């Protein structure tokens, strides 16, 4: 791929990768109401069609790593992100839900592969810089999704079809990749203590299952807001395409802003305390969306859902990695695999809830999951990151003092 732009700092490459990738995948969500209307289908049927993406994503997350390592992360990333935009542009030409399901399978394979590359690159860059960037990297994912929501709502407001809209995204993404990541070189791998690799499926222990319970509500509500917020605004309030698309963007903006500053809050306060505040915010957001009488009130609810769902999963990942019962890689893999099932498969299945009990119920079903997460939040730890670092330093210095 042709190089156009300057060579960026390692963390800035990661931020750019997350933002461009999410822009490439996010433009379809403001257009889901138009796609549903054009096919003349119900929410449940649309949800079933959308499952093509998560099924293939889970396959890629499980099997793609050795293939990506052989191809090389640089080459794979530079080609996969523009091809993802192209695959979406092709998928929106599907004449019916069965064809959409099949055409979203390659989309899911690409998403899973890009997720592996970018998250591994973020982890390696953290090790290289000796400071945390993961929450901030995911904030740029939300920023890219926010840009996709704004762009999608504007294009829909102009009356362009989803097919023309998604076709316009392809050259935008290709140029952005060449401009910001044309000089991309992967960060060096972490030095491994052993040559052991985590298993293809990591068996969850009871403590990991408790961490899964912490993440379930955030993963479910994040996916639901991405998939169904535009359809909610059109179905409940008969909002225009711009308002529906802007609601998607508003959710992403509030999530991005919270993620951008989350690390500093975790450094000063306990992870469980931060999580409980976020979960309470999400609880209020769900109540507002479920009972809202007016469009702008619902938009406030979606903004609160963005804030509440922002940092729960990264906090749980950190808690899993800090456990000493098994290698960190195995605990993280076990948590990620189960949580991603909820994130990827849950929101499409909410279409059936919408068909039987209405679109508001697709969000209201999150209430018991949030209560479950609140009950399990203590598993994240009650010490701040600064306190944990002080204890670790004291443990290292104690043998020296005794000597």
Protein backbone atom coordinates (compact mmCIF):
# COMPACT_ATOMS: atom_id res chain seq x y z
CA UNK A 1 0.00 0.00 0.00
CA UNK A 2 1.30 3.46 -0.91
CA UNK A 3 2.74 5.59 1.89
CA UNK A 4 1.49 9.17 2.09
CA UNK A 5 1.80 10.39 5.65
CA UNK A 6 4.44 10.88 8.33
CA UNK A 7 5.76 8.16 10.60
CA UNK A 8 3.71 8.24 13.81
CA UNK A 9 4.72 7.43 17.37
CA UNK A 10 3.87 3.83 18.40
CA UNK A 11 0.83 4.77 20.51
CA UNK A 12 -0.47 7.10 17.79
CA UNK A 13 -0.31 4.27 15.26
CA UNK A 14 -2.46 2.18 17.59
CA UNK A 15 -4.95 5.03 18.08
CA UNK A 16 -5.19 5.63 14.32
CA UNK A 17 -5.70 1.92 13.64
CA UNK A 18 -8.58 1.65 16.11
CA UNK A 19 -10.26 4.82 14.81
CA UNK A 20 -10.07 3.94 11.10
CA UNK A 21 -11.16 0.35 11.73
CA UNK A 22 -14.23 1.42 13.71
CA UNK A 23 -15.14 4.01 11.07
CA UNK A 24 -14.98 1.27 8.44
CA UNK A 25 -17.32 -1.01 10.41
CA UNK A 26 -19.57 1.65 11.98
CA UNK A 27 -21.19 3.19 8.92
CA UNK A 28 -23.68 0.36 8.46
CA UNK A 29 -25.39 0.86 11.82
CA UNK A 30 -27.10 4.22 11.09
CA UNK A 31 -28.46 2.61 7.89
CA UNK A 32 -29.95 -0.52 9.48
CA UNK A 33 -33.46 1.05 9.57
CA UNK A 34 -33.25 1.68 5.81
CA UNK A 35 -31.92 -1.83 5.14
CA UNK A 36 -34.70 -3.34 7.25
CA UNK A 37 -37.35 -1.25 5.49
CA UNK A 38 -36.02 -2.08 2.01
CA UNK A 39 -36.16 -5.82 2.76
CA UNK A 40 -39.59 -5.55 4.39
CA UNK A 41 -38.60 -7.68 7.39
CA UNK A 42 -39.18 -7.61 11.15
CA UNK A 43 -36.58 -6.96 13.85
CA UNK A 44 -36.16 -10.65 14.64
CA UNK A 45 -35.43 -11.54 11.02
CA UNK A 46 -32.94 -8.69 10.74
CA UNK A 47 -31.26 -9.84 13.96
CA UNK A 48 -30.97 -13.37 12.57
CA UNK A 49 -29.34 -12.01 9.40
CA UNK A 50 -26.88 -9.93 11.43
CA UNK A 51 -25.69 -13.05 13.29
CA UNK A 52 -23.53 -13.84 10.26
CA UNK A 53 -21.00 -11.29 11.50
CA UNK A 54 -20.55 -12.57 15.09
CA UNK A 55 -20.40 -16.23 14.03
CA UNK A 56 -17.52 -15.53 11.65
CA UNK A 57 -15.89 -13.16 14.14
CA UNK A 58 -15.77 -15.89 16.79
CA UNK A 59 -14.24 -18.29 14.26
CA UNK A 60 -11.54 -15.75 13.39
CA UNK A 61 -10.83 -14.94 17.05
CA UNK A 62 -10.28 -18.65 17.68
CA UNK A 63 -8.36 -19.70 14.56
CA UNK A 64 -6.84 -16.68 12.81
CA UNK A 65 -3.79 -15.92 14.97
CA UNK A 66 -1.31 -18.38 13.37
CA UNK A 67 -2.42 -17.32 9.88
CA UNK A 68 -1.95 -13.64 10.72
CA UNK A 69 1.49 -14.34 12.17
CA UNK A 70 2.53 -16.05 8.93
CA UNK A 71 1.14 -13.25 6.75
CA UNK A 72 2.57 -10.55 9.03
CA UNK A 73 0.61 -8.04 11.09
CA UNK A 74 1.66 -5.09 8.93
CA UNK A 75 0.51 -6.56 5.63
CA UNK A 76 -2.66 -8.01 7.14
CA UNK A 77 -3.75 -4.76 8.80
CA UNK A 78 -3.05 -2.55 5.79
CA UNK A 79 -5.21 -4.75 3.55
CA UNK A 80 -7.90 -6.00 5.92
CA UNK A 81 -9.28 -2.62 7.03
CA UNK A 82 -10.01 -1.32 3.47
CA UNK A 83 -11.29 -4.79 2.52
CA UNK A 84 -13.64 -4.64 5.52
CA UNK A 85 -15.16 -1.42 4.18
CA UNK A 86 -15.46 -3.06 0.75
CA UNK A 87 -17.12 -6.17 2.21
CA UNK A 88 -19.74 -4.01 3.95
CA UNK A 89 -20.34 -2.08 0.73
CA UNK A 90 -20.99 -5.39 -1.05
CA UNK A 91 -23.13 -6.84 1.78
CA UNK A 92 -25.69 -3.99 1.68
CA UNK A 93 -26.60 -5.10 -1.87
CA UNK A 94 -28.10 -8.29 -0.39
CA UNK A 95 -31.66 -8.78 -1.70
CA UNK A 96 -32.90 -10.54 1.43
CA UNK A 97 -31.99 -11.63 4.96
CA UNK A 98 -30.51 -15.01 3.96
CA UNK A 99 -28.20 -13.35 1.45
CA UNK A 100 -27.26 -10.69 4.03
CA UNK A 101 -26.34 -13.43 6.51
CA UNK A 102 -24.02 -15.09 3.98
CA UNK A 103 -22.50 -11.81 2.81
CA UNK A 104 -21.71 -10.80 6.40
CA UNK A 105 -19.63 -13.94 7.02
CA UNK A 106 -16.48 -12.50 5.35
CA UNK A 107 -17.12 -9.27 7.26
CA UNK A 108 -16.96 -11.20 10.54
CA UNK A 109 -13.75 -13.00 9.55
CA UNK A 110 -12.11 -9.64 8.85
CA UNK A 111 -13.39 -8.06 12.07
CA UNK A 112 -12.03 -10.93 14.18
CA UNK A 113 -8.65 -10.75 12.45
CA UNK A 114 -8.38 -6.97 12.85
CA UNK A 115 -9.38 -7.25 16.53
CA UNK A 116 -6.51 -9.67 17.12
CA UNK A 117 -3.97 -7.45 15.36
CA UNK A 118 -4.96 -4.18 17.02
CA UNK A 119 -5.37 -5.53 20.55
CA UNK A 120 -2.08 -7.42 20.39
CA UNK A 121 -0.42 -4.28 19.02
CA UNK A 122 -1.92 -2.20 21.86
CA UNK A 123 -0.65 -4.71 24.43
CA UNK A 124 2.85 -4.77 22.90
CA UNK A 125 2.92 -0.98 22.73
CA UNK A 126 1.99 -0.77 26.43
CA UNK A 127 4.97 -3.03 27.19
CA UNK A 128 7.22 -0.95 24.91
CA UNK A 129 6.20 2.37 26.51
CA UNK A 130 5.81 0.99 30.05
CA UNK A 131 2.48 2.75 30.50
CA UNK A 132 -1.16 1.86 29.92
CA UNK A 133 -2.82 2.88 26.67
CA UNK A 134 -5.51 0.20 26.29
CA UNK A 135 -8.49 2.25 27.52
CA UNK A 136 -7.34 5.24 25.47
CA UNK A 137 -6.89 3.03 22.40
CA UNK A 138 -10.46 1.82 22.76
CA UNK A 139 -11.58 5.41 23.19
CA UNK A 140 -10.29 6.02 19.67
CA UNK A 141 -12.36 3.04 18.54
CA UNK A 142 -15.38 4.89 19.94
CA UNK A 143 -14.21 8.14 18.29
CA UNK A 144 -14.10 6.38 14.92
CA UNK A 145 -17.57 4.97 15.56
CA UNK A 146 -18.76 8.45 16.50
CA UNK A 147 -17.43 9.74 13.18
CA UNK A 148 -19.20 6.91 11.36
CA UNK A 149 -22.46 7.78 13.10
CA UNK A 150 -22.20 11.46 12.14
CA UNK A 151 -21.20 10.68 8.56
CA UNK A 152 -23.92 8.05 8.23
CA UNK A 153 -26.64 10.31 9.61
CA UNK A 154 -25.58 13.17 7.31
CA UNK A 155 -25.52 10.94 4.23
CA UNK A 156 -28.90 9.43 5.15
CA UNK A 157 -30.31 12.93 5.64
CA UNK A 158 -29.18 13.81 2.10
CA UNK A 159 -31.22 10.88 0.80
CA UNK A 160 -28.36 8.72 -0.48
CA UNK A 161 -29.02 4.99 -0.42
CA UNK A 162 -27.09 2.67 1.91
CA UNK A 163 -25.42 1.19 -1.18
CA UNK A 164 -24.03 4.55 -2.32
CA UNK A 165 -23.16 5.53 1.25
CA UNK A 166 -21.12 2.38 1.98
CA UNK A 167 -19.42 2.64 -1.41
CA UNK A 168 -18.22 6.14 -0.47
CA UNK A 169 -16.69 4.78 2.73
CA UNK A 170 -14.29 2.47 0.85
CA UNK A 171 -11.99 5.15 -0.67
CA UNK A 172 -12.15 7.22 2.54
CA UNK A 173 -10.86 4.26 4.56
CA UNK A 174 -8.22 3.32 1.98
CA UNK A 175 -6.79 6.85 1.88
CA UNK A 176 -6.86 7.12 5.69
CA UNK A 177 -4.95 3.85 6.05
CA UNK A 178 -2.31 4.98 3.56
CA UNK A 179 -2.05 8.42 5.16
CA UNK A 180 -1.86 7.41 8.83
CA UNK A 181 -0.61 3.81 8.76
CA UNK A 182 1.35 3.56 5.53
CA UNK A 183 4.56 3.55 7.62
CA UNK A 184 3.16 1.14 10.22
CA UNK A 185 5.65 -1.30 11.72
CA UNK A 186 4.42 -3.67 14.47
CA UNK A 187 5.83 -3.19 17.95
CA UNK A 188 8.22 -5.92 19.15
CA UNK A 189 6.60 -8.87 20.89
CA UNK A 190 6.68 -9.12 24.67
CA UNK A 191 9.44 -11.32 26.04
CA UNK A 192 7.70 -14.54 27.05
CA UNK A 193 8.74 -16.32 30.21
CA UNK A 194 7.95 -19.70 28.65
CA UNK A 195 7.25 -21.02 25.21
CA UNK A 196 3.76 -22.15 26.19
CA UNK A 197 0.83 -20.82 24.24
CA UNK A 198 -2.68 -20.43 25.60
CA UNK A 199 -5.06 -23.20 24.49
CA UNK A 200 -7.54 -22.67 21.67
CA UNK A 201 -10.34 -22.78 24.23
CA UNK A 202 -9.44 -21.63 27.74
CA UNK A 203 -11.60 -23.30 30.41
CA UNK A 204 -13.11 -20.69 32.75
CA UNK A 205 -12.66 -21.12 36.50
CA UNK A 206 -15.21 -19.92 39.05
CA UNK A 207 -13.40 -16.57 39.63
CA UNK A 208 -13.33 -15.99 35.86
CA UNK A 209 -17.04 -16.76 35.61
CA UNK A 210 -17.66 -14.11 38.29
CA UNK A 211 -15.70 -11.62 36.14
CA UNK A 212 -17.82 -12.69 33.16
CA UNK A 213 -20.90 -11.77 35.22
CA UNK A 214 -19.38 -8.31 35.75
CA UNK A 215 -18.95 -7.76 32.01
CA UNK A 216 -22.21 -9.25 30.70
CA UNK A 217 -24.38 -6.17 31.07
CA UNK A 218 -21.84 -3.79 29.53
CA UNK A 219 -21.14 -6.08 26.57
CA UNK A 220 -24.86 -6.63 25.97
CA UNK A 221 -25.84 -2.95 26.24
CA UNK A 222 -22.92 -1.74 24.12
CA UNK A 223 -23.84 -4.14 21.33
CA UNK A 224 -27.56 -3.36 21.66
CA UNK A 225 -26.94 0.39 21.43
CA UNK A 226 -24.81 -0.06 18.33
CA UNK A 227 -27.27 -2.39 16.58
CA UNK A 228 -30.66 -1.10 17.67
CA UNK A 229 -30.49 2.56 18.78
CA UNK A 230 -31.19 3.93 15.28
CA UNK A 231 -34.06 1.48 14.78
CA UNK A 232 -35.39 2.38 18.25
CA UNK A 233 -35.54 6.08 17.36
CA UNK A 234 -37.27 5.39 14.05
CA UNK A 235 -39.74 2.87 15.51
CA UNK A 236 -40.66 4.63 18.78
CA UNK A 237 -40.63 8.30 17.74
CA UNK A 238 -40.69 8.10 13.92
CA UNK A 239 -37.49 10.17 13.95
CA UNK A 240 -35.83 11.13 10.70
CA UNK A 241 -32.64 9.45 9.45
CA UNK A 242 -30.41 12.23 10.78
CA UNK A 243 -31.72 11.99 14.37
CA UNK A 244 -31.54 8.17 14.26
CA UNK A 245 -27.95 8.22 13.03
CA UNK A 246 -26.96 10.98 15.42
CA UNK A 247 -28.17 8.84 18.32
CA UNK A 248 -25.64 6.17 17.34
CA UNK A 249 -22.96 8.87 17.20
CA UNK A 250 -23.98 10.28 20.60
CA UNK A 251 -23.63 6.86 22.24
CA UNK A 252 -20.15 6.47 20.72
CA UNK A 253 -19.09 10.01 21.72
CA UNK A 254 -20.03 9.56 25.39
CA UNK A 255 -18.31 6.17 25.44
CA UNK A 256 -15.17 7.58 23.80
CA UNK A 257 -14.92 10.50 26.22
CA UNK A 258 -15.25 8.25 29.27
CA UNK A 259 -12.71 5.73 27.95
CA UNK A 260 -10.24 8.52 27.20
CA UNK A 261 -10.07 9.53 30.89
CA UNK A 262 -10.86 6.15 32.51
CA UNK A 263 -7.28 5.16 33.31
CA UNK A 264 -6.72 8.22 35.52
CA UNK A 265 -9.87 7.42 37.57
CA UNK A 266 -8.77 3.81 38.06
CA UNK A 267 -5.36 5.05 39.21
CA UNK A 268 -7.01 7.13 41.97
CA UNK A 269 -9.97 4.94 42.95
CA UNK A 270 -10.64 1.23 43.29
CA UNK A 271 -11.63 -0.71 40.15
CA UNK A 272 -14.75 -2.03 41.88
CA UNK A 273 -15.76 1.51 42.93
CA UNK A 274 -15.32 2.87 39.41
CA UNK A 275 -17.25 -0.10 38.01
CA UNK A 276 -20.17 0.42 40.38
CA UNK A 277 -20.46 4.07 39.35
CA UNK A 278 -20.41 3.07 35.68
CA UNK A 279 -22.96 0.30 36.22
CA UNK A 280 -25.27 2.66 38.14
CA UNK A 281 -25.00 5.12 35.25
CA UNK A 282 -25.89 2.35 32.82
CA UNK A 283 -28.86 1.37 35.00
CA UNK A 284 -30.22 4.93 34.83
CA UNK A 285 -29.65 4.94 31.07
CA UNK A 286 -31.66 1.75 30.58
CA UNK A 287 -34.55 3.11 32.68
CA UNK A 288 -34.58 6.31 30.59
CA UNK A 289 -34.54 4.44 27.27
CA UNK A 290 -37.27 2.06 28.46
CA UNK A 291 -39.66 4.74 29.77
CA UNK A 292 -38.70 7.80 27.68
CA UNK A 293 -41.60 9.91 26.37
CA UNK A 294 -39.54 12.13 24.05
CA UNK A 295 -36.68 11.68 21.54
CA UNK A 296 -34.20 13.97 23.32
CA UNK A 297 -34.82 12.13 26.59
CA UNK A 298 -33.97 8.84 24.87
CA UNK A 299 -30.82 10.40 23.45
CA UNK A 300 -29.79 11.28 27.01
CA UNK A 301 -30.40 7.65 27.95
CA UNK A 302 -28.16 6.41 25.15
CA UNK A 303 -25.45 8.86 26.20
CA UNK A 304 -25.59 7.39 29.73
CA UNK A 305 -25.41 3.89 28.25
CA UNK A 306 -22.23 4.95 26.45
CA UNK A 307 -20.70 6.21 29.69
CA UNK A 308 -21.78 3.17 31.68
CA UNK A 309 -20.53 0.56 29.22
CA UNK A 310 -17.21 2.27 28.56
CA UNK A 311 -14.59 0.71 30.85
CA UNK A 312 -16.17 -2.37 32.47
CA UNK A 313 -14.54 -4.90 30.13
CA UNK A 314 -11.00 -3.44 30.37
CA UNK A 315 -11.30 -3.45 34.18
CA UNK A 316 -12.30 -7.11 34.11
CA UNK A 317 -9.41 -7.95 31.77
CA UNK A 318 -6.99 -6.34 34.21
CA UNK A 319 -8.48 -8.29 37.12
CA UNK A 320 -8.20 -11.56 35.19
CA UNK A 321 -4.57 -10.86 34.24
CA UNK A 322 -3.66 -10.14 37.88
CA UNK A 323 -4.88 -13.53 39.14
CA UNK A 324 -2.14 -15.93 40.17
CA UNK A 325 -3.97 -19.27 39.90
CA UNK A 326 -3.05 -19.70 36.21
CA UNK A 327 -0.92 -17.89 33.60
CA UNK A 328 -2.37 -14.46 32.81
CA UNK A 329 -2.80 -15.27 29.11
CA UNK A 330 -5.09 -18.23 29.90
CA UNK A 331 -7.27 -16.25 32.33
CA UNK A 332 -7.57 -13.36 29.88
CA UNK A 333 -8.43 -15.74 27.02
CA UNK A 334 -11.11 -17.48 29.11
CA UNK A 335 -12.76 -14.17 30.04
CA UNK A 336 -12.54 -12.74 26.52
CA UNK A 337 -13.97 -15.77 24.76
CA UNK A 338 -17.11 -15.95 26.90
CA UNK A 339 -17.65 -12.18 27.10
CA UNK A 340 -17.35 -11.79 23.36
CA UNK A 341 -20.11 -14.35 22.86
CA UNK A 342 -22.44 -12.03 24.80
CA UNK A 343 -21.19 -8.96 22.91
CA UNK A 344 -21.48 -10.51 19.45
CA UNK A 345 -24.44 -12.87 19.69
CA UNK A 346 -26.60 -11.06 22.28
CA UNK A 347 -27.60 -7.91 20.36
CA UNK A 348 -28.76 -9.68 17.16
CA UNK A 349 -30.87 -12.06 19.26
CA UNK A 350 -32.53 -9.04 20.90
CA UNK A 351 -34.43 -8.65 17.64
CA UNK A 352 -36.65 -11.52 18.73
CA UNK A 353 -37.32 -9.75 22.03
CA UNK A 354 -38.29 -6.66 20.03
CA UNK A 355 -40.66 -8.67 17.81
CA UNK A 356 -42.56 -10.10 20.80
CA UNK A 357 -42.47 -7.29 23.38
CA UNK A 358 -41.42 -4.15 21.47
CA UNK A 359 -38.12 -2.39 20.81
CA UNK A 360 -38.06 -0.79 24.28
CA UNK A 361 -37.95 -4.26 25.83
CA UNK A 362 -34.80 -5.07 23.86
CA UNK A 363 -33.08 -2.53 26.14
CA UNK A 364 -35.16 -3.21 29.26
CA UNK A 365 -33.93 -6.80 29.29
CA UNK A 366 -30.55 -5.39 30.30
CA UNK A 367 -31.83 -4.48 33.81
CA UNK A 368 -31.35 -7.91 35.46
CA UNK A 369 -27.91 -8.23 33.84
CA UNK A 370 -26.86 -4.87 35.30
CA UNK A 371 -28.03 -5.95 38.76
CA UNK A 372 -25.99 -9.16 38.35
CA UNK A 373 -22.93 -7.11 37.38
CA UNK A 374 -23.38 -4.82 40.39
CA UNK A 375 -23.53 -7.84 42.71
CA UNK A 376 -20.30 -9.27 41.21
CA UNK A 377 -18.36 -5.98 40.88
CA UNK A 378 -16.34 -6.61 44.05
CA UNK A 379 -14.33 -9.20 42.10
CA UNK A 380 -12.57 -6.37 40.27
CA UNK A 381 -10.60 -5.42 43.39
CA UNK A 382 -10.95 -2.78 46.07
CA UNK A 383 -7.49 -1.22 45.83
CA UNK A 384 -6.61 1.58 43.41
CA UNK A 385 -3.96 0.99 40.77
CA UNK A 386 -1.59 3.26 42.72
CA UNK A 387 -2.06 1.17 45.90
CA UNK A 388 -1.42 -2.06 43.98
CA UNK A 389 1.77 -0.59 42.53
CA UNK A 390 2.94 0.49 46.03
CA UNK A 391 2.33 -2.99 47.45
CA UNK A 392 4.21 -4.61 44.55
CA UNK A 393 7.13 -2.21 45.04
CA UNK A 394 7.23 -2.95 48.79
CA UNK A 395 7.33 -6.67 48.09
CA UNK A 396 10.27 -6.19 45.75
CA UNK A 397 12.14 -3.91 48.18
CA UNK A 398 11.51 -6.05 51.30
CA UNK A 399 14.03 -8.82 50.47
CA UNK A 400 16.67 -6.19 49.67
CA UNK A 401 16.15 -4.50 53.05
CA UNK A 402 16.38 -7.85 54.88
CA UNK A 403 19.64 -8.67 53.08
